[in-house]
């Protein structure tokens, strides 16, 4: 059994196998970390591209528009007629004409759910309301800024506290000029002060 010519069974050592297992685990971990790092780089690159695109869109819009100060000076001229009519809301689009003011709320649209967005439901335009709408539209047209929506809030003494002029924008959802004497409301993060009473901001949808 244990003589000179007998063969003895020797159990293979487990240490080399553990070493191989450890080396394999290290490779897997390195691969996992490299994958995570690669994913983070892709995400960061995507964010950088998106921010660059947003900046380009803002820059193009502001370049194509007349200077802010010139637009604001013309919009300033329509504040008196807005105040005299006590306009609260106005919209002028192909599918939506809306005027909410001292004489009532009037609307001409096939989509009242999205056109009549002011506090009072609109009814069909009468002759006087139609004349007032046209007078306001013509006054806004003289500014050279294509106003699609107008929202107005009043303070004591029928003074305008906030007037927001929303216009067409070629590279964004909307361009907005806001009149708020001495900034009674906060300027949005993407806002650009024009003077002590006016600021500008853009609305952007998905890139």
Protein backbone atom coordinates (compact mmCIF):
# COMPACT_ATOMS: atom_id res chain seq x y z
CA UNK A 1 0.00 0.00 0.00
CA UNK A 2 2.68 2.48 1.09
CA UNK A 3 5.63 0.70 -0.54
CA UNK A 4 8.30 2.20 -2.82
CA UNK A 5 6.48 1.31 -6.00
CA UNK A 6 3.10 2.61 -4.92
CA UNK A 7 1.57 5.78 -6.29
CA UNK A 8 0.27 8.23 -3.75
CA UNK A 9 -2.61 10.60 -4.54
CA UNK A 10 -1.80 14.19 -3.87
CA UNK A 11 -4.73 16.68 -3.67
CA UNK A 12 -4.13 19.67 -5.89
CA UNK A 13 -3.50 22.90 -4.04
CA UNK A 14 -6.44 25.32 -4.01
CA UNK A 15 -4.22 28.39 -3.85
CA UNK A 16 -3.59 28.76 -7.60
CA UNK A 17 -7.38 28.53 -8.21
CA UNK A 18 -8.03 31.26 -5.64
CA UNK A 19 -5.40 33.38 -7.31
CA UNK A 20 -7.01 32.90 -10.69
CA UNK A 21 -10.40 33.71 -9.17
CA UNK A 22 -9.00 36.88 -7.61
CA UNK A 23 -7.44 37.97 -10.89
CA UNK A 24 -10.73 37.38 -12.71
CA UNK A 25 -12.64 39.40 -10.12
CA UNK A 26 -10.18 42.27 -10.53
CA UNK A 27 -10.70 42.27 -14.28
CA UNK A 28 -14.48 42.33 -13.80
CA UNK A 29 -14.25 45.23 -11.33
CA UNK A 30 -11.96 47.21 -13.63
CA UNK A 31 -14.35 46.61 -16.51
CA UNK A 32 -17.32 47.72 -14.39
CA UNK A 33 -15.60 50.95 -13.31
CA UNK A 34 -14.52 51.67 -16.88
CA UNK A 35 -18.12 51.18 -18.02
CA UNK A 36 -19.42 53.54 -15.34
CA UNK A 37 -16.76 56.13 -16.22
CA UNK A 38 -17.66 55.87 -19.90
CA UNK A 39 -21.34 56.36 -19.14
CA UNK A 40 -20.58 59.45 -17.03
CA UNK A 41 -18.49 60.91 -19.84
CA UNK A 42 -21.35 60.37 -22.30
CA UNK A 43 -23.85 62.04 -19.93
CA UNK A 44 -21.53 65.01 -19.33
CA UNK A 45 -20.97 65.41 -23.06
CA UNK A 46 -24.72 65.35 -23.64
CA UNK A 47 -25.32 68.02 -21.01
CA UNK A 48 -22.59 70.21 -22.50
CA UNK A 49 -24.08 69.88 -25.99
CA UNK A 50 -27.58 70.69 -24.69
CA UNK A 51 -26.37 73.79 -22.82
CA UNK A 52 -24.42 74.94 -25.86
CA UNK A 53 -27.47 74.49 -28.09
CA UNK A 54 -29.65 76.42 -25.63
CA UNK A 55 -27.12 79.24 -25.54
CA UNK A 56 -26.97 79.35 -29.34
CA UNK A 57 -30.76 79.49 -29.55
CA UNK A 58 -30.94 82.37 -27.08
CA UNK A 59 -28.16 84.20 -28.90
CA UNK A 60 -29.78 83.73 -32.31
CA UNK A 61 -33.14 84.93 -31.05
CA UNK A 62 -31.71 88.03 -29.45
CA UNK A 63 -29.64 88.78 -32.56
CA UNK A 64 -32.61 88.48 -34.90
CA UNK A 65 -34.79 90.73 -32.75
CA UNK A 66 -34.32 94.49 -32.63
CA UNK A 67 -32.38 95.64 -29.57
CA UNK A 68 -34.33 95.21 -26.34
CA UNK A 69 -34.24 98.90 -25.48
CA UNK A 70 -35.80 99.86 -28.82
CA UNK A 71 -38.60 97.30 -28.46
CA UNK A 72 -39.28 98.33 -24.87
CA UNK A 73 -39.49 102.01 -25.83
CA UNK A 74 -42.20 101.20 -28.36
CA UNK A 75 -44.08 98.83 -26.04
CA UNK A 76 -44.06 101.62 -23.46
CA UNK A 77 -46.29 103.67 -25.78
CA UNK A 78 -49.15 101.14 -25.61
CA UNK A 79 -49.35 101.11 -21.81
CA UNK A 80 -51.70 104.12 -21.80
CA UNK A 81 -54.33 102.57 -24.13
CA UNK A 82 -54.04 99.30 -22.20
CA UNK A 83 -54.66 101.18 -18.96
CA UNK A 84 -57.54 103.25 -20.37
CA UNK A 85 -59.35 100.10 -21.56
CA UNK A 86 -58.32 98.26 -18.38
CA UNK A 87 -57.16 95.32 -20.50
CA UNK A 88 -56.54 92.16 -18.49
CA UNK A 89 -55.88 89.71 -21.31
CA UNK A 90 -55.49 89.68 -25.08
CA UNK A 91 -54.66 87.01 -27.63
CA UNK A 92 -54.35 87.31 -31.37
CA UNK A 93 -53.61 84.11 -33.28
CA UNK A 94 -55.03 82.44 -36.36
CA UNK A 95 -57.23 80.19 -34.24
CA UNK A 96 -57.77 82.43 -31.22
CA UNK A 97 -58.86 86.05 -30.75
CA UNK A 98 -59.52 87.02 -27.18
CA UNK A 99 -60.03 90.27 -25.27
CA UNK A 100 -60.72 90.51 -21.57
CA UNK A 101 -61.15 94.09 -20.36
CA UNK A 102 -63.40 96.54 -18.53
CA UNK A 103 -66.41 95.80 -20.76
CA UNK A 104 -66.24 92.03 -20.45
CA UNK A 105 -64.53 88.96 -21.85
CA UNK A 106 -64.86 88.24 -25.58
CA UNK A 107 -63.56 85.39 -27.66
CA UNK A 108 -63.58 84.12 -31.22
CA UNK A 109 -62.16 80.61 -31.42
CA UNK A 110 -62.86 77.00 -32.25
CA UNK A 111 -60.79 75.87 -29.24
CA UNK A 112 -62.12 77.68 -26.14
CA UNK A 113 -60.31 75.32 -23.75
CA UNK A 114 -56.94 76.70 -24.86
CA UNK A 115 -58.00 80.17 -26.07
CA UNK A 116 -60.11 81.34 -23.12
CA UNK A 117 -57.32 81.12 -20.56
CA UNK A 118 -58.22 84.26 -18.63
CA UNK A 119 -60.29 84.45 -15.48
CA UNK A 120 -63.62 85.06 -17.20
CA UNK A 121 -65.18 82.87 -19.92
CA UNK A 122 -65.42 84.62 -23.26
CA UNK A 123 -68.55 85.37 -25.24
CA UNK A 124 -68.83 86.35 -28.94
CA UNK A 125 -67.50 89.77 -29.90
CA UNK A 126 -70.04 92.56 -30.14
CA UNK A 127 -69.54 95.66 -32.29
CA UNK A 128 -67.93 97.74 -29.53
CA UNK A 129 -65.69 94.91 -28.35
CA UNK A 130 -64.60 94.31 -31.94
CA UNK A 131 -63.65 98.00 -32.32
CA UNK A 132 -61.73 97.95 -29.06
CA UNK A 133 -59.91 94.75 -30.08
CA UNK A 134 -58.90 96.28 -33.42
CA UNK A 135 -57.75 99.51 -31.76
CA UNK A 136 -55.54 97.53 -29.36
CA UNK A 137 -54.24 95.29 -32.15
CA UNK A 138 -53.27 98.29 -34.27
CA UNK A 139 -51.53 99.95 -31.32
CA UNK A 140 -49.55 96.76 -30.66
CA UNK A 141 -48.69 96.42 -34.36
CA UNK A 142 -47.01 99.83 -34.33
CA UNK A 143 -44.41 98.50 -31.87
CA UNK A 144 -42.88 96.20 -34.48
CA UNK A 145 -43.03 93.35 -31.96
CA UNK A 146 -45.47 90.58 -32.90
CA UNK A 147 -47.54 90.34 -29.72
CA UNK A 148 -49.54 87.11 -29.59
CA UNK A 149 -50.60 87.28 -25.93
CA UNK A 150 -50.88 90.01 -23.34
CA UNK A 151 -51.48 89.56 -19.62
CA UNK A 152 -51.99 92.54 -17.31
CA UNK A 153 -52.33 92.91 -13.54
CA UNK A 154 -53.31 96.15 -11.83
CA UNK A 155 -52.39 97.72 -8.52
CA UNK A 156 -53.96 100.57 -6.55
CA UNK A 157 -55.28 103.50 -8.54
CA UNK A 158 -55.63 101.47 -11.76
CA UNK A 159 -51.84 101.51 -12.14
CA UNK A 160 -50.33 98.63 -14.10
CA UNK A 161 -48.38 96.38 -11.74
CA UNK A 162 -47.37 93.81 -14.38
CA UNK A 163 -47.83 93.66 -18.14
CA UNK A 164 -46.42 90.66 -19.98
CA UNK A 165 -46.13 90.85 -23.77
CA UNK A 166 -45.61 87.39 -25.28
CA UNK A 167 -44.48 87.28 -28.87
CA UNK A 168 -43.48 84.97 -31.69
CA UNK A 169 -40.02 83.41 -31.43
CA UNK A 170 -38.20 81.66 -34.32
CA UNK A 171 -35.95 79.54 -32.07
CA UNK A 172 -37.98 79.09 -28.87
CA UNK A 173 -41.53 78.69 -27.56
CA UNK A 174 -42.09 82.38 -26.86
CA UNK A 175 -40.31 85.69 -26.37
CA UNK A 176 -41.58 87.72 -23.43
CA UNK A 177 -41.14 91.37 -22.51
CA UNK A 178 -42.42 92.18 -19.04
CA UNK A 179 -43.21 95.60 -17.63
CA UNK A 180 -43.09 95.70 -13.85
CA UNK A 181 -42.27 99.11 -12.34
CA UNK A 182 -39.25 98.77 -10.06
CA UNK A 183 -39.54 94.99 -10.53
CA UNK A 184 -42.57 94.22 -8.40
CA UNK A 185 -42.07 90.58 -9.48
CA UNK A 186 -38.87 88.53 -9.58
CA UNK A 187 -36.90 88.31 -12.80
CA UNK A 188 -36.76 84.64 -13.95
CA UNK A 189 -33.43 82.82 -13.92
CA UNK A 190 -33.28 83.11 -17.71
CA UNK A 191 -34.36 86.77 -17.60
CA UNK A 192 -32.36 89.74 -18.90
CA UNK A 193 -33.01 93.15 -17.29
CA UNK A 194 -33.54 95.88 -19.89
CA UNK A 195 -34.01 98.83 -17.54
CA UNK A 196 -35.45 99.50 -14.10
CA UNK A 197 -39.00 98.65 -15.23
CA UNK A 198 -38.62 96.09 -18.02
CA UNK A 199 -37.03 92.68 -18.44
CA UNK A 200 -36.90 90.06 -21.17
CA UNK A 201 -37.01 86.27 -21.06
CA UNK A 202 -37.57 83.34 -23.39
CA UNK A 203 -39.57 80.14 -23.00
CA UNK A 204 -37.90 77.02 -24.37
CA UNK A 205 -39.37 73.63 -25.12
CA UNK A 206 -37.35 70.42 -25.58
CA UNK A 207 -34.18 70.78 -27.62
